[in-house]
Amino acid sequence: MKRSRVRERERIRAAVQTTDPAALAVYAGELRPVVASLRALAEDATAEPSKRVHARSFLRRELLRGIRELEARIDAASPVL
């Protein structure tokens, strides 16, 4: 695995201070592009086949990648029980 991928994973999984409003706002701001990307991919995936921009395999792969990123970020913000 490339070092940049490792750094990206560590960045995504970094702990989030949910008690600090400023840190939480930064965290929410980092989630917005992920959600926007997922929305665009989902809209393309549900368009009529003749109006799709991307292939179904690309859409499926990128949607799953985005969902995994959201799950990792949510896990980072969830308190450990």
Protein backbone atom coordinates (compact mmCIF):
# COMPACT_ATOMS: atom_id res chain seq x y z
CA MET A 1 0.00 0.00 0.00
CA LYS A 2 1.25 3.48 -0.83
CA ARG A 3 2.15 5.79 2.01
CA SER A 4 -0.29 8.43 0.78
CA ARG A 5 -3.13 5.91 1.10
CA VAL A 6 -2.04 5.12 4.64
CA ARG A 7 -1.97 8.81 5.54
CA GLU A 8 -5.41 9.28 3.99
CA ARG A 9 -6.81 6.38 6.03
CA GLU A 10 -5.29 7.79 9.21
CA ARG A 11 -6.73 11.21 8.43
CA ILE A 12 -10.20 9.77 7.86
CA ARG A 13 -10.07 7.72 11.05
CA ALA A 14 -8.65 10.47 13.25
CA ALA A 15 -10.63 10.95 16.45
CA VAL A 16 -13.17 13.77 16.45
CA GLN A 17 -13.85 15.98 19.46
CA THR A 18 -17.64 15.95 19.43
CA THR A 19 -17.79 18.09 22.59
CA ASP A 20 -15.96 20.98 20.91
CA PRO A 21 -18.35 22.95 18.65
CA ALA A 22 -15.50 24.31 16.48
CA ALA A 23 -14.00 20.84 15.93
CA LEU A 24 -17.44 19.45 15.17
CA ALA A 25 -18.03 22.21 12.60
CA VAL A 26 -14.73 21.38 10.90
CA TYR A 27 -15.68 17.70 10.90
CA ALA A 28 -19.07 18.46 9.34
CA GLY A 29 -17.34 20.60 6.72
CA GLU A 30 -15.10 17.68 5.80
CA LEU A 31 -18.16 15.44 5.36
CA ARG A 32 -19.93 17.79 2.94
CA PRO A 33 -17.78 16.96 -0.13
CA VAL A 34 -18.18 13.24 0.53
CA VAL A 35 -21.97 13.59 0.69
CA ALA A 36 -22.02 15.84 -2.39
CA SER A 37 -20.00 13.28 -4.33
CA LEU A 38 -22.33 10.47 -3.25
CA ARG A 39 -25.36 12.53 -4.27
CA ALA A 40 -23.92 13.19 -7.75
CA LEU A 41 -23.03 9.52 -8.20
CA ALA A 42 -26.48 8.38 -7.04
CA GLU A 43 -28.21 10.83 -9.38
CA ASP A 44 -26.12 9.56 -12.29
CA ALA A 45 -26.78 5.93 -11.32
CA THR A 46 -30.54 6.48 -11.23
CA ALA A 47 -30.71 8.44 -14.49
CA GLU A 48 -32.02 6.84 -17.63
CA PRO A 49 -29.31 4.67 -19.20
CA SER A 50 -29.01 6.99 -22.20
CA LYS A 51 -28.42 9.98 -19.90
CA ARG A 52 -25.81 8.41 -17.62
CA VAL A 53 -22.36 9.94 -17.66
CA HIS A 54 -20.49 7.05 -16.02
CA ALA A 55 -20.53 3.28 -16.41
CA ARG A 56 -22.45 1.25 -13.83
CA SER A 57 -19.28 -0.46 -12.59
CA PHE A 58 -17.64 2.91 -11.93
CA LEU A 59 -20.75 4.22 -10.18
CA ARG A 60 -21.03 1.12 -8.01
CA ARG A 61 -17.35 1.22 -7.04
CA GLU A 62 -17.38 4.94 -6.21
CA LEU A 63 -20.65 4.76 -4.27
CA LEU A 64 -19.29 1.93 -2.15
CA ARG A 65 -16.01 3.80 -1.61
CA GLY A 66 -17.91 6.88 -0.45
CA ILE A 67 -20.12 4.85 1.88
CA ARG A 68 -17.05 3.19 3.41
CA GLU A 69 -15.50 6.61 3.97
CA LEU A 70 -18.66 7.88 5.66
CA GLU A 71 -18.76 4.78 7.88
CA ALA A 72 -15.13 5.26 8.88
CA ARG A 73 -15.72 8.91 9.69
CA ILE A 74 -18.83 8.13 11.72
CA ASP A 75 -16.91 5.46 13.61
CA ALA A 76 -14.20 8.02 14.37
CA ALA A 77 -16.79 10.37 15.85
CA SER A 78 -18.62 7.70 17.86
CA PRO A 79 -17.60 7.34 21.48
CA VAL A 80 -15.91 4.10 22.37
CA LEU A 81 -18.10 2.05 24.68
